[in-house]
C-alpha atoms as a PDB file:
ATOM      1  CA  MET A   1       0.782  -2.474 -13.724  1.00  0.00           C
ATOM      2  CA  ILE A   2       2.853  -5.131 -11.964  1.00  0.00           C
ATOM      3  CA  PRO A   3       6.635  -4.701 -12.387  1.00  0.00           C
ATOM      4  CA  LEU A   4       8.510  -7.981 -12.726  1.00  0.00           C
ATOM      5  CA  ARG A   5      12.128  -6.914 -13.257  1.00  0.00           C
ATOM      6  CA  THR A   6      14.346  -4.332 -14.892  1.00  0.00           C
ATOM      7  CA  THR A   7      16.546  -4.978 -17.920  1.00  0.00           C
ATOM      8  CA  LEU A   8      19.612  -3.578 -16.132  1.00  0.00           C
ATOM      9  CA  GLU A   9      22.631  -5.816 -15.653  1.00  0.00           C
ATOM     10  CA  ARG A  10      23.581  -6.289 -12.011  1.00  0.00           C
ATOM     11  CA  ARG A  11      27.281  -6.012 -11.186  1.00  0.00           C
ATOM     12  CA  SER A  12      27.101  -6.368  -7.407  1.00  0.00           C
ATOM     13  CA  ALA A  13      24.856  -8.079  -4.870  1.00  0.00           C
ATOM     14  CA  PRO A  14      22.168  -5.796  -3.354  1.00  0.00           C
ATOM     15  CA  ILE A  15      23.012  -6.790   0.206  1.00  0.00           C
ATOM     16  CA  VAL A  16      21.010  -4.059   1.944  1.00  0.00           C
ATOM     17  CA  ASN A  17      17.962  -4.516  -0.270  1.00  0.00           C
ATOM     18  CA  ARG A  18      17.903  -8.259   0.346  1.00  0.00           C
ATOM     19  CA  THR A  19      18.249  -7.642   4.068  1.00  0.00           C
ATOM     20  CA  LEU A  20      15.324  -5.202   4.028  1.00  0.00           C
ATOM     21  CA  LEU A  21      13.215  -7.735   2.144  1.00  0.00           C
ATOM     22  CA  ALA A  22      14.069 -10.411   4.714  1.00  0.00           C
ATOM     23  CA  VAL A  23      13.422  -8.161   7.726  1.00  0.00           C
ATOM     24  CA  ASN A  24       9.992  -7.186   6.401  1.00  0.00           C
ATOM     25  CA  VAL A  25       9.086 -10.849   5.890  1.00  0.00           C
ATOM     26  CA  VAL A  26      10.364 -11.873   9.340  1.00  0.00           C
ATOM     27  CA  VAL A  27       8.488  -9.064  11.109  1.00  0.00           C
ATOM     28  CA  PHE A  28       5.267  -9.868   9.255  1.00  0.00           C
ATOM     29  CA  THR A  29       5.631 -13.556  10.106  1.00  0.00           C
ATOM     30  CA  ALA A  30       6.066 -12.574  13.755  1.00  0.00           C
ATOM     31  CA  GLN A  31       2.876 -10.486  13.503  1.00  0.00           C
ATOM     32  CA  LEU A  32       0.973 -13.561  12.328  1.00  0.00           C
ATOM     33  CA  PHE A  33       2.016 -15.484  15.441  1.00  0.00           C
ATOM     34  CA  MET A  34       1.149 -12.665  17.832  1.00  0.00           C
ATOM     35  CA  GLY A  35      -2.582 -13.224  17.522  1.00  0.00           C
ATOM     36  CA  SER A  36      -4.538 -10.692  19.557  1.00  0.00           C
ATOM     37  CA  MET A  37      -1.303  -8.899  20.471  1.00  0.00           C
ATOM     38  CA  THR A  38      -0.850  -7.715  16.882  1.00  0.00           C
ATOM     39  CA  GLU A  39      -3.230  -4.793  17.277  1.00  0.00           C
ATOM     40  CA  ARG A  40      -1.388  -3.583  20.372  1.00  0.00           C
ATOM     41  CA  VAL A  41       1.962  -3.840  18.577  1.00  0.00           C
ATOM     42  CA  ILE A  42       0.612  -1.785  15.658  1.00  0.00           C
ATOM     43  CA  GLN A  43      -0.812   0.820  18.022  1.00  0.00           C
ATOM     44  CA  THR A  44       2.515   1.021  19.876  1.00  0.00           C
ATOM     45  CA  PHE A  45       5.018   0.903  17.027  1.00  0.00           C
ATOM     46  CA  GLY A  46       2.894   2.242  14.181  1.00  0.00           C
ATOM     47  CA  PHE A  47       3.097   5.933  13.340  1.00  0.00           C
ATOM     48  CA  ILE A  48       0.066   7.934  14.555  1.00  0.00           C
ATOM     49  CA  PRO A  49      -0.004  11.568  13.356  1.00  0.00           C
ATOM     50  CA  ALA A  50      -2.006  12.893  16.327  1.00  0.00           C
ATOM     51  CA  ARG A  51       0.392  11.212  18.758  1.00  0.00           C
ATOM     52  CA  PHE A  52       3.366  12.701  16.930  1.00  0.00           C
ATOM     53  CA  ILE A  53       1.862  16.195  17.156  1.00  0.00           C
ATOM     54  CA  ASP A  54       0.995  15.908  20.858  1.00  0.00           C
ATOM     55  CA  PRO A  55       2.898  13.021  22.473  1.00  0.00           C
ATOM     56  CA  ALA A  56       2.131  14.107  26.044  1.00  0.00           C
ATOM     57  CA  THR A  57      -1.590  13.479  25.546  1.00  0.00           C
ATOM     58  CA  TYR A  58      -0.770   9.845  24.744  1.00  0.00           C
ATOM     59  CA  HIS A  59       1.734   9.605  27.620  1.00  0.00           C
ATOM     60  CA  TYR A  60       4.669   9.300  25.215  1.00  0.00           C
ATOM     61  CA  ALA A  61       7.989  11.094  25.267  1.00  0.00           C
ATOM     62  CA  PRO A  62       8.943  12.987  22.072  1.00  0.00           C
ATOM     63  CA  TRP A  63      11.776  10.532  21.348  1.00  0.00           C
ATOM     64  CA  GLU A  64       9.364   7.604  21.659  1.00  0.00           C
ATOM     65  CA  VAL A  65       7.038   8.937  18.957  1.00  0.00           C
ATOM     66  CA  ALA A  66      10.063   9.837  16.825  1.00  0.00           C
ATOM     67  CA  VAL A  67      11.162   6.189  16.941  1.00  0.00           C
ATOM     68  CA  THR A  68       7.832   5.130  15.401  1.00  0.00           C
ATOM     69  CA  LEU A  69       8.837   6.970  12.211  1.00  0.00           C
ATOM     70  CA  VAL A  70      11.219   4.030  11.704  1.00  0.00           C
ATOM     71  CA  THR A  71       9.493   1.101  13.428  1.00  0.00           C
ATOM     72  CA  SER A  72       6.283   1.700  11.463  1.00  0.00           C
ATOM     73  CA  LEU A  73       8.155   1.043   8.212  1.00  0.00           C
ATOM     74  CA  PHE A  74       8.553  -2.644   9.058  1.00  0.00           C
ATOM     75  CA  LEU A  75       4.936  -3.394  10.008  1.00  0.00           C
ATOM     76  CA  HIS A  76       2.285  -4.409   7.480  1.00  0.00           C
ATOM     77  CA  GLY A  77      -1.466  -4.682   7.606  1.00  0.00           C
ATOM     78  CA  GLY A  78      -1.879  -7.898   5.647  1.00  0.00           C
ATOM     79  CA  PHE A  79      -0.409 -10.308   3.118  1.00  0.00           C
ATOM     80  CA  VAL A  80      -1.455  -8.268   0.070  1.00  0.00           C
ATOM     81  CA  HIS A  81       0.007  -5.112   1.644  1.00  0.00           C
ATOM     82  CA  LEU A  82       3.309  -6.903   2.253  1.00  0.00           C
ATOM     83  CA  ILE A  83       3.578  -8.600  -1.146  1.00  0.00           C
ATOM     84  CA  GLY A  84       2.726  -5.411  -3.047  1.00  0.00           C
ATOM     85  CA  ASN A  85       5.507  -3.554  -1.266  1.00  0.00           C
ATOM     86  CA  LEU A  86       8.056  -6.345  -1.601  1.00  0.00           C
ATOM     87  CA  ILE A  87       7.511  -6.680  -5.350  1.00  0.00           C
ATOM     88  CA  TYR A  88       8.388  -3.031  -5.910  1.00  0.00           C
ATOM     89  CA  LEU A  89      11.274  -3.158  -3.441  1.00  0.00           C
ATOM     90  CA  HIS A  90      12.721  -6.238  -5.147  1.00  0.00           C
ATOM     91  CA  VAL A  91      12.398  -4.833  -8.678  1.00  0.00           C
ATOM     92  CA  PHE A  92      13.685  -1.296  -8.087  1.00  0.00           C
ATOM     93  CA  GLY A  93      15.731  -1.403  -4.897  1.00  0.00           C
ATOM     94  CA  GLY A  94      18.753  -3.367  -6.093  1.00  0.00           C
ATOM     95  CA  ALA A  95      19.533  -1.029  -8.982  1.00  0.00           C
ATOM     96  CA  VAL A  96      19.291   2.059  -6.777  1.00  0.00           C
ATOM     97  CA  GLU A  97      21.511   0.422  -4.136  1.00  0.00           C
ATOM     98  CA  GLU A  98      24.123  -0.392  -6.775  1.00  0.00           C
ATOM     99  CA  PHE A  99      24.121   3.213  -7.956  1.00  0.00           C
ATOM    100  CA  LEU A 100      24.192   4.834  -4.490  1.00  0.00           C
ATOM    101  CA  GLY A 101      26.159   2.291  -2.491  1.00  0.00           C
ATOM    102  CA  HIS A 102      24.973   0.310   0.529  1.00  0.00           C
ATOM    103  CA  GLY A 103      25.110   3.027   3.199  1.00  0.00           C
ATOM    104  CA  ARG A 104      23.488   5.767   1.123  1.00  0.00           C
ATOM    105  CA  TYR A 105      20.784   3.381   0.002  1.00  0.00           C
ATOM    106  CA  LEU A 106      19.846   2.465   3.584  1.00  0.00           C
ATOM    107  CA  PHE A 107      19.827   6.160   4.482  1.00  0.00           C
ATOM    108  CA  LEU A 108      17.522   6.843   1.521  1.00  0.00           C
ATOM    109  CA  TYR A 109      15.164   4.040   2.541  1.00  0.00           C
ATOM    110  CA  ILE A 110      14.779   5.151   6.160  1.00  0.00           C
ATOM    111  CA  THR A 111      14.726   8.881   5.454  1.00  0.00           C
ATOM    112  CA  CYS A 112      12.132   8.726   2.680  1.00  0.00           C
ATOM    113  CA  GLY A 113       9.909   6.521   4.808  1.00  0.00           C
ATOM    114  CA  ALA A 114      10.088   8.962   7.706  1.00  0.00           C
ATOM    115  CA  LEU A 115       9.576  12.020   5.502  1.00  0.00           C
ATOM    116  CA  GLY A 116       6.670  10.302   3.796  1.00  0.00           C
ATOM    117  CA  SER A 117       5.001   9.814   7.185  1.00  0.00           C
ATOM    118  CA  LEU A 118       5.596  13.479   7.998  1.00  0.00           C
ATOM    119  CA  SER A 119       3.963  14.453   4.687  1.00  0.00           C
ATOM    120  CA  HIS A 120       0.932  12.413   5.714  1.00  0.00           C
ATOM    121  CA  THR A 121       0.963  14.131   9.101  1.00  0.00           C
ATOM    122  CA  PHE A 122       1.068  17.599   7.521  1.00  0.00           C
ATOM    123  CA  LEU A 123      -2.250  16.925   5.764  1.00  0.00           C
ATOM    124  CA  PHE A 124      -3.908  14.792   8.448  1.00  0.00           C
ATOM    125  CA  PRO A 125      -2.470  16.008  11.780  1.00  0.00           C
ATOM    126  CA  GLN A 126      -5.457  14.853  13.837  1.00  0.00           C
ATOM    127  CA  SER A 127      -5.568  11.295  12.510  1.00  0.00           C
ATOM    128  CA  THR A 128      -5.467   8.607  15.196  1.00  0.00           C
ATOM    129  CA  ILE A 129      -5.151   5.747  12.689  1.00  0.00           C
ATOM    130  CA  PRO A 130      -1.717   4.040  12.766  1.00  0.00           C
ATOM    131  CA  SER A 131       0.245   4.422   9.551  1.00  0.00           C
ATOM    132  CA  ILE A 132       2.291   1.302   8.837  1.00  0.00           C
ATOM    133  CA  GLY A 133       4.231  -0.206   5.960  1.00  0.00           C
ATOM    134  CA  ALA A 134       7.271   0.437   3.786  1.00  0.00           C
ATOM    135  CA  SER A 135       5.310   2.269   1.075  1.00  0.00           C
ATOM    136  CA  GLY A 136       6.843   5.684   1.789  1.00  0.00           C
ATOM    137  CA  SER A 137      10.346   4.215   1.690  1.00  0.00           C
ATOM    138  CA  ILE A 138       9.666   2.341  -1.532  1.00  0.00           C
ATOM    139  CA  ALA A 139       8.112   5.438  -3.088  1.00  0.00           C
ATOM    140  CA  GLY A 140      11.384   7.225  -2.320  1.00  0.00           C
ATOM    141  CA  ILE A 141      13.307   4.458  -4.068  1.00  0.00           C
ATOM    142  CA  LEU A 142      11.057   4.862  -7.117  1.00  0.00           C
ATOM    143  CA  GLY A 143      11.681   8.614  -7.146  1.00  0.00           C
ATOM    144  CA  ALA A 144      15.430   8.022  -6.946  1.00  0.00           C
ATOM    145  CA  PHE A 145      15.235   5.389  -9.693  1.00  0.00           C
ATOM    146  CA  LEU A 146      13.493   7.866 -12.005  1.00  0.00           C
ATOM    147  CA  VAL A 147      16.253  10.451 -11.480  1.00  0.00           C
ATOM    148  CA  LEU A 148      19.219   8.082 -11.587  1.00  0.00           C
ATOM    149  CA  LEU A 149      18.091   5.542 -14.196  1.00  0.00           C
ATOM    150  CA  PRO A 150      15.360   7.168 -16.305  1.00  0.00           C
ATOM    151  CA  HIS A 151      16.168   5.167 -19.444  1.00  0.00           C
ATOM    152  CA  ALA A 152      16.011   1.753 -17.768  1.00  0.00           C
ATOM    153  CA  ARG A 153      13.227  -0.488 -18.999  1.00  0.00           C
ATOM    154  CA  ILE A 154      10.749  -2.223 -16.704  1.00  0.00           C
ATOM    155  CA  VAL A 155       9.352  -5.617 -17.671  1.00  0.00           C
ATOM    156  CA  THR A 156       5.711  -5.101 -16.701  1.00  0.00           C
ATOM    157  CA  LEU A 157       2.707  -7.386 -16.387  1.00  0.00           C
ATOM    158  CA  PHE A 158      -0.722  -5.996 -17.282  1.00  0.00           C
ATOM    159  CA  PRO A 159      -3.593  -8.048 -15.792  1.00  0.00           C
ATOM    160  CA  LEU A 160      -6.301  -7.490 -18.404  1.00  0.00           C
ATOM    161  CA  VAL A 161      -9.867  -8.785 -18.310  1.00  0.00           C
ATOM    162  CA  VAL A 162      -9.428 -11.633 -20.799  1.00  0.00           C
ATOM    163  CA  TYR A 163      -5.673 -12.264 -20.689  1.00  0.00           C
ATOM    164  CA  TRP A 164      -2.443 -10.983 -19.130  1.00  0.00           C
ATOM    165  CA  ALA A 165      -0.078  -8.994 -21.333  1.00  0.00           C
ATOM    166  CA  MET A 166       3.621  -8.293 -20.779  1.00  0.00           C
ATOM    167  CA  ALA A 167       5.713  -5.416 -22.114  1.00  0.00           C
ATOM    168  CA  GLU A 168       8.912  -3.459 -21.464  1.00  0.00           C
ATOM    169  CA  ILE A 169       8.051   0.048 -20.276  1.00  0.00           C
ATOM    170  CA  PRO A 170      10.682   2.822 -19.965  1.00  0.00           C
ATOM    171  CA  ALA A 171      11.116   3.978 -16.367  1.00  0.00           C
ATOM    172  CA  VAL A 172      10.577   7.556 -17.550  1.00  0.00           C
ATOM    173  CA  LEU A 173       7.022   6.489 -18.493  1.00  0.00           C
ATOM    174  CA  PHE A 174       6.250   3.838 -15.876  1.00  0.00           C
ATOM    175  CA  LEU A 175       7.214   5.853 -12.788  1.00  0.00           C
ATOM    176  CA  PRO A 176       5.428   9.154 -13.623  1.00  0.00           C
ATOM    177  CA  ILE A 177       2.257   7.128 -14.252  1.00  0.00           C
ATOM    178  CA  TRP A 178       2.694   5.441 -10.864  1.00  0.00           C
ATOM    179  CA  PHE A 179       3.271   8.814  -9.188  1.00  0.00           C
ATOM    180  CA  GLY A 180       0.241  10.320 -10.935  1.00  0.00           C
ATOM    181  CA  MET A 181      -1.946   7.540  -9.570  1.00  0.00           C
ATOM    182  CA  GLN A 182      -0.711   8.192  -6.030  1.00  0.00           C
ATOM    183  CA  PHE A 183      -1.287  11.927  -6.381  1.00  0.00           C
ATOM    184  CA  PHE A 184      -4.797  11.440  -7.806  1.00  0.00           C
ATOM    185  CA  ASN A 185      -5.760   9.031  -5.025  1.00  0.00           C
ATOM    186  CA  GLY A 186      -4.249  11.409  -2.474  1.00  0.00           C
ATOM    187  CA  PHE A 187      -6.424  14.210  -3.822  1.00  0.00           C
ATOM    188  CA  LEU A 188      -9.493  11.980  -3.528  1.00  0.00           C
ATOM    189  CA  SER A 189      -8.539  11.114   0.069  1.00  0.00           C
ATOM    190  CA  LEU A 190      -8.457  14.824   0.909  1.00  0.00           C
ATOM    191  CA  GLN A 191     -11.977  15.249  -0.456  1.00  0.00           C
ATOM    192  CA  ALA A 192     -13.205  12.229   1.489  1.00  0.00           C
ATOM    193  CA  ALA A 193     -11.551  13.469   4.682  1.00  0.00           C
ATOM    194  CA  ARG A 194     -13.267  16.843   4.387  1.00  0.00           C
ATOM    195  CA  ARG A 195     -16.618  15.083   4.399  1.00  0.00           C
ATOM    196  CA  ALA A 196     -15.840  12.497   7.076  1.00  0.00           C
ATOM    197  CA  TYR A 197     -13.393  14.563   9.188  1.00  0.00           C
ATOM    198  CA  GLU A 198     -11.022  11.626   9.282  1.00  0.00           C
ATOM    199  CA  VAL A 199      -8.540   9.872   7.035  1.00  0.00           C
ATOM    200  CA  VAL A 200      -9.077   6.205   6.325  1.00  0.00           C
ATOM    201  CA  GLY A 201      -7.422   3.565   4.178  1.00  0.00           C
ATOM    202  CA  ILE A 202      -4.105   4.087   2.425  1.00  0.00           C
ATOM    203  CA  ALA A 203      -1.806   6.991   3.343  1.00  0.00           C
ATOM    204  CA  TRP A 204      -1.442   8.183  -0.258  1.00  0.00           C
ATOM    205  CA  TRP A 205       0.384  11.367   0.711  1.00  0.00           C
ATOM    206  CA  ALA A 206       3.129   9.323   2.356  1.00  0.00           C
ATOM    207  CA  HIS A 207       3.691   7.815  -1.099  1.00  0.00           C
ATOM    208  CA  VAL A 208       3.683  11.244  -2.755  1.00  0.00           C
ATOM    209  CA  GLY A 209       6.025  12.732  -0.174  1.00  0.00           C
ATOM    210  CA  GLY A 210       8.372   9.741  -0.196  1.00  0.00           C
ATOM    211  CA  PHE A 211       8.610   9.816  -4.002  1.00  0.00           C
ATOM    212  CA  LEU A 212       9.389  13.538  -4.139  1.00  0.00           C
ATOM    213  CA  PHE A 213      11.974  13.355  -1.358  1.00  0.00           C
ATOM    214  CA  GLY A 214      13.609  10.335  -3.005  1.00  0.00           C
ATOM    215  CA  ALA A 215      13.876  12.188  -6.313  1.00  0.00           C
ATOM    216  CA  LEU A 216      15.306  15.250  -4.557  1.00  0.00           C
ATOM    217  CA  MET A 217      17.892  13.227  -2.653  1.00  0.00           C
ATOM    218  CA  ALA A 218      18.933  11.496  -5.875  1.00  0.00           C
ATOM    219  CA  LEU A 219      19.355  14.850  -7.586  1.00  0.00           C
ATOM    220  CA  LEU A 220      21.566  16.059  -4.740  1.00  0.00           C
ATOM    221  CA  PHE A 221      23.653  12.888  -4.816  1.00  0.00           C
ATOM    222  CA  ARG A 222      24.087  13.096  -8.581  1.00  0.00           C
ATOM    223  CA  ALA A 223      25.170  16.742  -8.326  1.00  0.00           C
ATOM    224  CA  ILE A 224      27.674  15.933  -5.566  1.00  0.00           C
ATOM    225  CA  ARG A 225      29.137  13.048  -7.561  1.00  0.00           C
ATOM    226  CA  ARG A 226      29.391  15.189 -10.706  1.00  0.00           C
ATOM    227  CA  ASN A 227      31.253  17.911  -8.787  1.00  0.00           C
ATOM    228  CA  ALA A 228      33.611  15.341  -7.272  1.00  0.00           C
ATOM    229  CA  THR A 229      34.325  13.910 -10.729  1.00  0.00           C
ATOM    230  CA  MET A 230      35.031  17.356 -12.158  1.00  0.00           C
ATOM    231  CA  ARG A 231      37.454  18.182  -9.331  1.00  0.00           C
ATOM    232  CA  ALA A 232      39.240  14.866  -9.792  1.00  0.00           C
ATOM    233  CA  ALA A 233      39.636  15.548 -13.502  1.00  0.00           C
END
């Protein structure tokens, strides 16, 4: 399923979301021009679970590994990785920003990305593979979207074998299916890791963790806003 847009009317410009889109593109473009230095940049600024657990072994200070929880969110491993993330960020991010406001939206983005990486670390604490990309942050935005705008409809492209179909899918259906796919793939990654004693490929549990934390934060925000409205009335 490839989301193209939502049917929601936009009343304000998603300034933060557009900035995040631009920053991710600029950083990736810079990666392309770094050549052989790219791998060193990823190793330095990517998030490595084993280094987070024991920074002294890697000659890092605790604050230095903590910083990689944020810097890793703006690095990507390839064009497909970047485009996949940016499509979802573009489709879902603006509506969530409009609902939360600019500051809360940025906080959600960074926090869910960091918490997603910590979820990955909880299950794979000995992994020395850098975790990079905005997937955990975007998963948090999807979780928040499901809580805040469950009845929105997502114009979705289905690449089928013979032809491509398009349909409007309710968010309350689209997003649980997306989450279920992440959870299922995360379960498979656990089974593979038990056999190989290492995690490889996509950090599925960062997606799962980011989504759940995003939904939780949206629930808290909605409860706070409801209480404020009731007091004002």
